Amino acid sequence: MKEHVGSCESCKKDLFCMDGFFQGEIAPSGKLFCYSCYIEEKKESNE
């Protein structure tokens, strides 16, 4: 089952929950990110 959850805060890519697993990351702030944008977001916040 594929269910639309939201969009990436950075690139606006659609994010889905597939068979109960979220296909992205949720930042501590509660914002949704795709995997690649989340990695970039973490790099920027650590600098």
Protein backbone atom coordinates (compact mmCIF):
# COMPACT_ATOMS: atom_id res chain seq x y z
CA MET A 1 0.00 0.00 0.00
CA LYS A 2 1.32 3.44 -0.96
CA GLU A 3 0.04 6.50 0.91
CA HIS A 4 1.02 10.14 0.24
CA VAL A 5 2.33 11.75 3.45
CA GLY A 6 3.59 15.15 2.31
CA SER A 7 6.35 16.90 0.40
CA CYS A 8 10.03 17.50 1.05
CA GLU A 9 10.63 20.93 2.59
CA SER A 10 13.65 21.52 0.33
CA CYS A 11 13.00 20.00 -3.10
CA LYS A 12 9.19 19.58 -2.88
CA LYS A 13 9.41 15.89 -3.90
CA ASP A 14 6.32 13.90 -2.90
CA LEU A 15 6.95 11.62 0.09
CA PHE A 16 5.07 8.38 0.67
CA CYS A 17 4.53 5.75 3.32
CA MET A 18 4.88 2.35 1.64
CA ASP A 19 3.66 -0.75 3.47
CA GLY A 20 3.96 1.06 6.82
CA PHE A 21 7.45 2.50 6.26
CA PHE A 22 7.99 6.23 5.67
CA GLN A 23 10.18 6.84 2.62
CA GLY A 24 11.94 9.93 3.98
CA GLU A 25 13.09 11.56 7.21
CA ILE A 26 11.42 13.72 9.83
CA ALA A 27 13.67 16.46 11.25
CA PRO A 28 13.55 17.25 14.99
CA SER A 29 11.60 20.38 14.00
CA GLY A 30 8.88 18.11 12.54
CA LYS A 31 9.59 19.04 8.91
CA LEU A 32 9.60 16.29 6.26
CA PHE A 33 12.60 15.73 3.99
CA CYS A 34 13.57 13.20 1.33
CA TYR A 35 16.72 11.24 2.22
CA SER A 36 19.16 13.29 0.12
CA CYS A 37 17.85 16.67 1.33
CA TYR A 38 17.88 15.47 4.95
CA ILE A 39 21.57 14.57 4.66
CA GLU A 40 22.31 18.03 3.26
CA GLU A 41 20.23 19.67 6.00
CA LYS A 42 22.20 17.80 8.68
CA LYS A 43 25.53 18.82 7.10
CA GLU A 44 24.50 22.49 7.09
CA SER A 45 23.29 22.43 10.69
CA ASN A 46 26.58 20.85 11.89
CA GLU A 47 28.77 23.51 10.29
